[in-house]
């Protein structure tokens, strides 16, 4: 993600700032894209637009109030906290910079969309978001795993996969994506190189091999 963010260097400055904020926010929050970009069916928006009113800037984090979500059955709303990382992936840093840019253009007020297309001056749609993400990936020379394509859910998938591969407790991994069931497993992506490395690591660390339902012999 750091490399993707750097690869926007040659972009039109307002667009570069917007895309960086999108990349960092989308990955660090683990939210579904429909929470922060507009989905449309036959040209009609089917989701509320995330506005600056929903975002609170704290000393060490930003808090995002989500009024309704797929797992919020009682429609009470929930708050997602995104802590500072002190790195280029710092969502608070890029959101602040993007808001300053928007204010210089006459936007960025409480009721305005957070992710506003700097050229079209309207909320970023899901197709536009996906195209921007694919363009950044292409420029960065990043190759997705086989049989997978870059989509708006790739950032959410990336966070959940990273949490899983880092060995976080399953409950924590579920919390990253706001899951309450085993649906989080569908978001975990493991490349062939990772599988190969895990097989090597497994062989190095295991003393007994459990094969076909019985315990094998000691490893030589």
Protein backbone atom coordinates (compact mmCIF):
# COMPACT_ATOMS: atom_id res chain seq x y z
CA UNK A 1 0.00 0.00 0.00
CA UNK A 2 2.94 2.29 0.73
CA UNK A 3 4.23 1.66 -2.81
CA UNK A 4 0.79 2.24 -4.35
CA UNK A 5 0.55 5.54 -2.51
CA UNK A 6 3.96 6.65 -3.76
CA UNK A 7 3.08 5.72 -7.34
CA UNK A 8 0.51 8.55 -7.46
CA UNK A 9 3.38 11.09 -7.46
CA UNK A 10 2.85 12.11 -11.09
CA UNK A 11 -0.92 12.58 -10.77
CA UNK A 12 -2.75 15.88 -10.76
CA UNK A 13 -2.11 17.11 -7.19
CA UNK A 14 -5.74 17.26 -5.94
CA UNK A 15 -6.40 13.82 -7.45
CA UNK A 16 -3.22 12.43 -5.95
CA UNK A 17 -4.23 13.67 -2.49
CA UNK A 18 -7.73 12.25 -2.88
CA UNK A 19 -6.49 8.84 -4.06
CA UNK A 20 -3.96 8.61 -1.24
CA UNK A 21 -6.67 9.37 1.30
CA UNK A 22 -8.93 6.77 -0.33
CA UNK A 23 -6.20 4.11 -0.28
CA UNK A 24 -5.26 4.68 3.34
CA UNK A 25 -8.82 5.11 4.62
CA UNK A 26 -10.13 2.10 2.69
CA UNK A 27 -7.38 -0.19 3.95
CA UNK A 28 -7.04 1.05 7.53
CA UNK A 29 -10.80 1.16 8.18
CA UNK A 30 -11.65 -2.22 6.66
CA UNK A 31 -15.06 -0.78 5.76
CA UNK A 32 -17.16 -1.92 2.85
CA UNK A 33 -16.73 0.45 -0.11
CA UNK A 34 -20.44 1.25 -0.10
CA UNK A 35 -19.83 3.00 3.23
CA UNK A 36 -17.62 5.73 1.76
CA UNK A 37 -18.18 5.76 -2.03
CA UNK A 38 -21.47 5.91 -3.93
CA UNK A 39 -23.00 2.83 -5.47
CA UNK A 40 -25.61 3.36 -8.14
CA UNK A 41 -28.26 1.23 -9.78
CA UNK A 42 -29.58 2.67 -13.04
CA UNK A 43 -27.96 5.96 -12.11
CA UNK A 44 -29.71 6.20 -8.73
CA UNK A 45 -27.54 6.27 -5.55
CA UNK A 46 -28.32 3.31 -3.31
CA UNK A 47 -26.23 4.34 -0.31
CA UNK A 48 -25.87 7.43 1.83
CA UNK A 49 -22.79 9.53 1.14
CA UNK A 50 -20.18 9.69 3.90
CA UNK A 51 -19.88 13.33 4.94
CA UNK A 52 -17.35 15.19 7.07
CA UNK A 53 -19.95 15.37 9.83
CA UNK A 54 -19.39 11.65 10.44
CA UNK A 55 -15.65 12.06 11.01
CA UNK A 56 -14.08 13.31 14.24
CA UNK A 57 -10.37 14.09 14.42
CA UNK A 58 -8.82 13.00 17.72
CA UNK A 59 -5.30 13.39 19.07
CA UNK A 60 -4.15 9.94 17.99
CA UNK A 61 -6.92 8.71 15.70
CA UNK A 62 -9.99 9.52 13.67
CA UNK A 63 -13.44 8.27 14.64
CA UNK A 64 -15.95 7.51 11.90
CA UNK A 65 -19.63 7.21 12.73
CA UNK A 66 -21.43 4.75 10.46
CA UNK A 67 -25.21 5.29 10.79
CA UNK A 68 -26.10 1.94 9.28
CA UNK A 69 -24.26 -1.12 8.04
CA UNK A 70 -24.86 -4.69 6.97
CA UNK A 71 -24.19 -6.10 10.44
CA UNK A 72 -25.93 -3.31 12.36
CA UNK A 73 -29.22 -5.15 12.65
CA UNK A 74 -30.85 -2.66 15.02
CA UNK A 75 -29.70 0.39 13.06
CA UNK A 76 -28.08 1.96 16.10
CA UNK A 77 -24.99 3.00 14.20
CA UNK A 78 -21.41 2.24 15.13
CA UNK A 79 -18.11 4.06 15.51
CA UNK A 80 -14.96 2.87 13.75
CA UNK A 81 -11.67 4.15 15.17
CA UNK A 82 -8.64 4.40 12.90
CA UNK A 83 -5.48 5.04 14.87
CA UNK A 84 -2.44 6.94 13.66
CA UNK A 85 0.38 4.80 12.32
CA UNK A 86 3.12 7.42 12.14
CA UNK A 87 3.79 6.24 8.58
CA UNK A 88 2.76 7.15 5.04
CA UNK A 89 -0.38 5.08 5.70
CA UNK A 90 -1.62 7.56 8.31
CA UNK A 91 -5.29 8.08 7.42
CA UNK A 92 -5.66 11.13 9.67
CA UNK A 93 -2.78 12.86 7.91
CA UNK A 94 -4.18 12.34 4.41
CA UNK A 95 -7.78 13.11 5.35
CA UNK A 96 -6.61 16.36 6.92
CA UNK A 97 -4.65 17.26 3.80
CA UNK A 98 -7.56 16.36 1.56
CA UNK A 99 -9.99 18.44 3.59
CA UNK A 100 -7.66 21.44 3.48
CA UNK A 101 -7.48 21.03 -0.30
CA UNK A 102 -11.26 20.79 -0.56
CA UNK A 103 -11.74 23.90 1.55
CA UNK A 104 -9.46 25.82 -0.78
CA UNK A 105 -11.89 24.78 -3.53
CA UNK A 106 -14.99 25.83 -1.58
CA UNK A 107 -15.88 22.40 -0.17
CA UNK A 108 -14.96 20.36 2.89
CA UNK A 109 -17.75 21.59 5.15
CA UNK A 110 -19.61 19.37 7.63
CA UNK A 111 -22.34 18.34 5.21
CA UNK A 112 -20.07 17.86 2.19
CA UNK A 113 -18.97 14.43 0.93
CA UNK A 114 -15.64 13.25 2.29
CA UNK A 115 -14.48 11.70 -0.96
CA UNK A 116 -15.24 14.26 -3.63
CA UNK A 117 -13.89 13.95 -7.16
CA UNK A 118 -11.61 17.03 -7.46
CA UNK A 119 -12.31 17.45 -11.17
CA UNK A 120 -15.95 16.43 -11.50
CA UNK A 121 -16.84 18.04 -8.14
CA UNK A 122 -19.20 15.25 -7.13
CA UNK A 123 -19.03 12.24 -4.78
CA UNK A 124 -16.74 9.49 -6.03
CA UNK A 125 -18.73 6.54 -7.35
CA UNK A 126 -17.83 2.88 -6.92
CA UNK A 127 -16.81 2.44 -10.61
CA UNK A 128 -14.59 5.53 -10.41
CA UNK A 129 -13.05 4.29 -7.17
CA UNK A 130 -12.31 0.90 -8.74
CA UNK A 131 -10.75 2.49 -11.83
CA UNK A 132 -8.53 4.74 -9.71
CA UNK A 133 -7.40 1.78 -7.62
CA UNK A 134 -6.63 -0.32 -10.71
CA UNK A 135 -4.68 2.55 -12.24
CA UNK A 136 -2.56 2.91 -9.08
CA UNK A 137 -1.95 -0.84 -8.96
CA UNK A 138 -0.93 -0.91 -12.62
CA UNK A 139 1.49 1.99 -12.22
CA UNK A 140 3.00 0.37 -9.12
CA UNK A 141 3.59 -2.86 -11.03
CA UNK A 142 1.71 -4.89 -8.43
CA UNK A 143 0.35 -8.20 -9.68
CA UNK A 144 -2.71 -9.57 -7.87
CA UNK A 145 -2.90 -13.32 -7.13
CA UNK A 146 -4.15 -15.56 -9.93
CA UNK A 147 -7.91 -15.71 -10.45
CA UNK A 148 -8.39 -12.43 -8.59
CA UNK A 149 -9.11 -9.00 -9.93
CA UNK A 150 -8.73 -5.60 -8.37
CA UNK A 151 -12.03 -4.26 -7.11
CA UNK A 152 -13.30 -1.84 -4.52
CA UNK A 153 -13.21 -4.65 -1.99
CA UNK A 154 -9.49 -5.28 -2.51
CA UNK A 155 -8.50 -2.86 0.26
CA UNK A 156 -10.89 -4.49 2.73
CA UNK A 157 -9.64 -7.90 1.65
CA UNK A 158 -6.06 -6.73 2.11
CA UNK A 159 -6.60 -5.62 5.71
CA UNK A 160 -8.33 -8.87 6.72
CA UNK A 161 -5.70 -10.98 4.95
CA UNK A 162 -2.88 -9.01 6.62
CA UNK A 163 -4.46 -9.48 10.04
CA UNK A 164 -4.87 -13.21 9.46
CA UNK A 165 -1.32 -13.70 8.16
CA UNK A 166 0.04 -11.68 11.09
CA UNK A 167 -1.41 -14.29 13.43
CA UNK A 168 -3.98 -12.05 15.09
CA UNK A 169 -6.69 -13.86 17.11
CA UNK A 170 -9.67 -14.79 14.95
CA UNK A 171 -11.96 -12.51 16.98
CA UNK A 172 -9.67 -9.60 16.20
CA UNK A 173 -9.58 -10.48 12.49
CA UNK A 174 -13.39 -10.61 12.50
CA UNK A 175 -13.46 -7.23 14.22
CA UNK A 176 -11.23 -5.67 11.56
CA UNK A 177 -13.95 -6.24 8.98
CA UNK A 178 -16.91 -5.95 11.33
CA UNK A 179 -17.83 -9.60 10.78
CA UNK A 180 -20.05 -11.58 13.13
CA UNK A 181 -19.81 -14.88 11.25
CA UNK A 182 -17.28 -16.95 9.31
CA UNK A 183 -17.82 -14.74 6.26
CA UNK A 184 -14.41 -13.16 6.98
CA UNK A 185 -12.77 -16.31 5.59
CA UNK A 186 -13.88 -15.37 2.08
CA UNK A 187 -11.71 -12.25 2.31
CA UNK A 188 -8.45 -14.06 3.05
CA UNK A 189 -6.22 -14.27 -0.03
CA UNK A 190 -3.03 -16.32 -0.02
CA UNK A 191 -0.75 -16.28 -3.06
CA UNK A 192 1.08 -19.30 -4.43
CA UNK A 193 4.40 -17.88 -3.17
CA UNK A 194 2.96 -17.55 0.33
CA UNK A 195 1.63 -21.11 0.21
CA UNK A 196 5.06 -22.37 -0.85
CA UNK A 197 6.76 -20.46 1.99
CA UNK A 198 4.24 -21.78 4.51
CA UNK A 199 4.86 -25.34 3.36
CA UNK A 200 8.60 -24.85 3.90
CA UNK A 201 8.04 -23.26 7.30
CA UNK A 202 5.62 -25.99 8.30
CA UNK A 203 8.15 -28.68 7.42
CA UNK A 204 10.85 -26.92 9.43
CA UNK A 205 8.79 -26.58 12.59
CA UNK A 206 6.66 -29.69 12.79
CA UNK A 207 7.88 -32.78 14.64
CA UNK A 208 5.02 -35.08 13.77
CA UNK A 209 3.02 -35.08 10.57
CA UNK A 210 -0.70 -35.76 10.71
CA UNK A 211 -1.62 -37.38 7.41
CA UNK A 212 -4.93 -38.95 6.36
CA UNK A 213 -6.27 -39.04 9.91
CA UNK A 214 -3.39 -40.78 11.70
CA UNK A 215 -0.19 -39.62 13.32
CA UNK A 216 2.87 -40.26 11.17
CA UNK A 217 6.38 -41.14 12.19
CA UNK A 218 8.86 -38.76 13.76
CA UNK A 219 10.56 -36.51 11.25
CA UNK A 220 14.13 -37.53 10.59
